[in-house]
Amino acid sequence: MAHVYDTARQFLANGSVDLATQTIGVTLVNTTLYTFSAAHEFLSDIPTAAQIGTSSLSNVAVASGRLDADNLNIATVAVNSVVNGVVLFVSTADSSTSPLLFIQSEGTGFPLTPDGGTVTITFPSSDPFILKV
């Protein structure tokens, strides 16, 4: 499953979110503890127990409606947590004001069970890259 949240569509349409300049966070999620809903708006809509590890994108590039960034390494991910998706969000100081952008829970490497070390998320290096709006 890959979905753009409705709130993200609205924020992108009215210019409230600039993917090229804002900090884009990524959280690993356990989708047995979180059920996607297009109506979810903020990171706080994802239960804390479903958020397995969080980081931010580096070297973000936006061109032709596509979001790209460096592959992601999230250190010290809890042992035996089930990770079967990633959620992108605009990172603010408060999860209740951090808009959800996109969820991806299919593709190579999912599900995965961390061993307590670093989890590497390898994003596509060609179209559509991480996200195509």
Protein backbone atom coordinates (compact mmCIF):
# COMPACT_ATOMS: atom_id res chain seq x y z
CA MET A 1 0.00 0.00 0.00
CA ALA A 2 1.24 3.46 -0.88
CA HIS A 3 -0.93 6.48 -0.14
CA VAL A 4 -0.66 10.25 0.09
CA TYR A 5 -2.67 11.49 3.06
CA ASP A 6 -5.56 13.86 2.20
CA THR A 7 -4.13 16.52 4.49
CA ALA A 8 -0.86 16.43 2.56
CA ARG A 9 -2.74 16.95 -0.69
CA GLN A 10 -4.48 19.99 0.80
CA PHE A 11 -1.27 21.43 2.29
CA LEU A 12 0.57 20.95 -1.01
CA ALA A 13 -2.30 22.47 -3.00
CA ASN A 14 -2.53 25.61 -0.87
CA GLY A 15 1.24 26.00 -0.41
CA SER A 16 1.29 25.33 3.36
CA VAL A 17 3.99 22.69 2.91
CA ASP A 18 7.22 23.19 0.98
CA LEU A 19 8.90 19.79 0.72
CA ALA A 20 12.16 21.37 -0.44
CA THR A 21 12.64 23.58 2.63
CA GLN A 22 10.87 21.92 5.56
CA THR A 23 12.27 19.07 7.65
CA ILE A 24 10.73 15.83 6.41
CA GLY A 25 10.58 13.18 9.12
CA VAL A 26 10.30 9.45 8.57
CA THR A 27 8.95 6.98 11.08
CA LEU A 28 9.06 3.22 10.76
CA VAL A 29 5.63 1.80 11.54
CA ASN A 30 4.05 -1.46 12.55
CA THR A 31 0.82 -1.58 10.56
CA THR A 32 -0.65 -4.26 12.80
CA LEU A 33 -0.75 -1.51 15.46
CA TYR A 34 -1.71 1.30 13.05
CA THR A 35 -4.42 1.21 10.43
CA PHE A 36 -4.06 3.75 7.64
CA SER A 37 -6.86 6.27 7.21
CA ALA A 38 -6.79 9.02 4.60
CA ALA A 39 -8.50 11.18 7.23
CA HIS A 40 -5.49 11.05 9.57
CA GLU A 41 -3.80 14.44 9.65
CA PHE A 42 -0.89 14.53 12.08
CA LEU A 43 1.83 12.28 13.44
CA SER A 44 -0.14 12.11 16.70
CA ASP A 45 -2.80 10.10 14.80
CA ILE A 46 -0.32 7.20 14.68
CA PRO A 47 -0.18 5.44 18.06
CA THR A 48 3.21 5.78 19.75
CA ALA A 49 3.42 1.98 20.06
CA ALA A 50 3.19 1.71 16.26
CA GLN A 51 6.12 4.11 15.72
CA ILE A 52 9.23 1.92 15.78
CA GLY A 53 11.99 4.40 14.90
CA THR A 54 12.16 7.97 13.60
CA SER A 55 14.64 10.07 11.65
CA SER A 56 14.70 12.85 9.05
CA LEU A 57 15.50 12.92 5.35
CA SER A 58 18.86 14.38 4.27
CA ASN A 59 19.76 16.12 1.02
CA VAL A 60 16.14 16.53 -0.03
CA ALA A 61 15.54 17.39 -3.67
CA VAL A 62 12.20 18.29 -5.21
CA ALA A 63 11.78 18.47 -8.98
CA SER A 64 8.88 17.89 -11.36
CA GLY A 65 6.59 16.90 -8.49
CA ARG A 66 8.97 14.25 -7.19
CA LEU A 67 10.64 14.02 -3.78
CA ASP A 68 14.08 12.47 -3.52
CA ALA A 69 16.63 12.25 -0.70
CA ASP A 70 19.53 10.16 0.55
CA ASN A 71 18.86 6.63 1.74
CA LEU A 72 18.02 6.58 5.42
CA ASN A 73 19.76 4.90 8.35
CA ILE A 74 17.78 4.73 11.59
CA ALA A 75 20.01 3.62 14.46
CA THR A 76 19.16 1.44 17.45
CA VAL A 77 15.77 0.18 16.30
CA ALA A 78 14.16 -1.97 18.99
CA VAL A 79 14.74 -5.71 18.84
CA ASN A 80 11.83 -7.85 17.64
CA SER A 81 9.72 -4.87 16.58
CA VAL A 82 7.86 -5.60 13.37
CA VAL A 83 8.36 -2.90 10.75
CA ASN A 84 6.11 -3.12 7.75
CA GLY A 85 5.88 0.47 6.59
CA VAL A 86 7.32 3.96 6.58
CA VAL A 87 5.44 7.22 7.05
CA LEU A 88 6.75 10.59 5.91
CA PHE A 89 5.64 13.71 7.75
CA VAL A 90 6.59 17.36 8.12
CA SER A 91 8.58 17.46 11.34
CA THR A 92 7.64 20.13 13.86
CA ALA A 93 8.28 20.38 17.59
CA ASP A 94 4.94 18.71 18.35
CA SER A 95 3.47 15.51 16.87
CA SER A 96 0.00 17.11 16.96
CA THR A 97 1.19 19.76 14.48
CA SER A 98 3.37 17.50 12.28
CA PRO A 99 1.33 16.88 9.11
CA LEU A 100 1.35 13.37 7.68
CA LEU A 101 2.44 13.17 4.03
CA PHE A 102 2.75 9.61 2.78
CA ILE A 103 2.70 5.98 3.86
CA GLN A 104 4.46 3.12 2.06
CA SER A 105 4.00 -0.45 3.26
CA GLU A 106 4.87 -2.54 0.25
CA GLY A 107 8.04 -3.31 -1.59
CA THR A 108 11.35 -5.02 -1.07
CA GLY A 109 12.35 -5.44 2.56
CA PHE A 110 8.91 -5.33 4.20
CA PRO A 111 8.14 -6.64 6.65
CA LEU A 112 11.40 -6.60 8.59
CA THR A 113 12.29 -7.46 12.16
CA PRO A 114 15.09 -5.27 13.55
CA ASP A 115 17.90 -6.81 15.60
CA GLY A 116 18.57 -3.72 17.73
CA GLY A 117 20.98 -2.23 15.22
CA THR A 118 20.60 0.21 12.36
CA VAL A 119 17.75 -0.15 9.87
CA THR A 120 18.55 1.13 6.38
CA ILE A 121 15.76 2.33 4.14
CA THR A 122 16.86 2.39 0.50
CA PHE A 123 14.71 4.70 -1.57
CA PRO A 124 14.22 4.24 -5.33
CA SER A 125 16.92 6.02 -7.34
CA SER A 126 14.68 6.58 -10.34
CA ASP A 127 11.14 7.74 -11.07
CA PRO A 128 9.03 8.03 -8.95
CA PHE A 129 11.84 8.33 -6.34
CA ILE A 130 10.39 8.57 -2.80
CA LEU A 131 7.15 10.30 -3.69
CA LYS A 132 5.49 11.59 -6.83
CA VAL A 133 2.73 14.14 -6.34
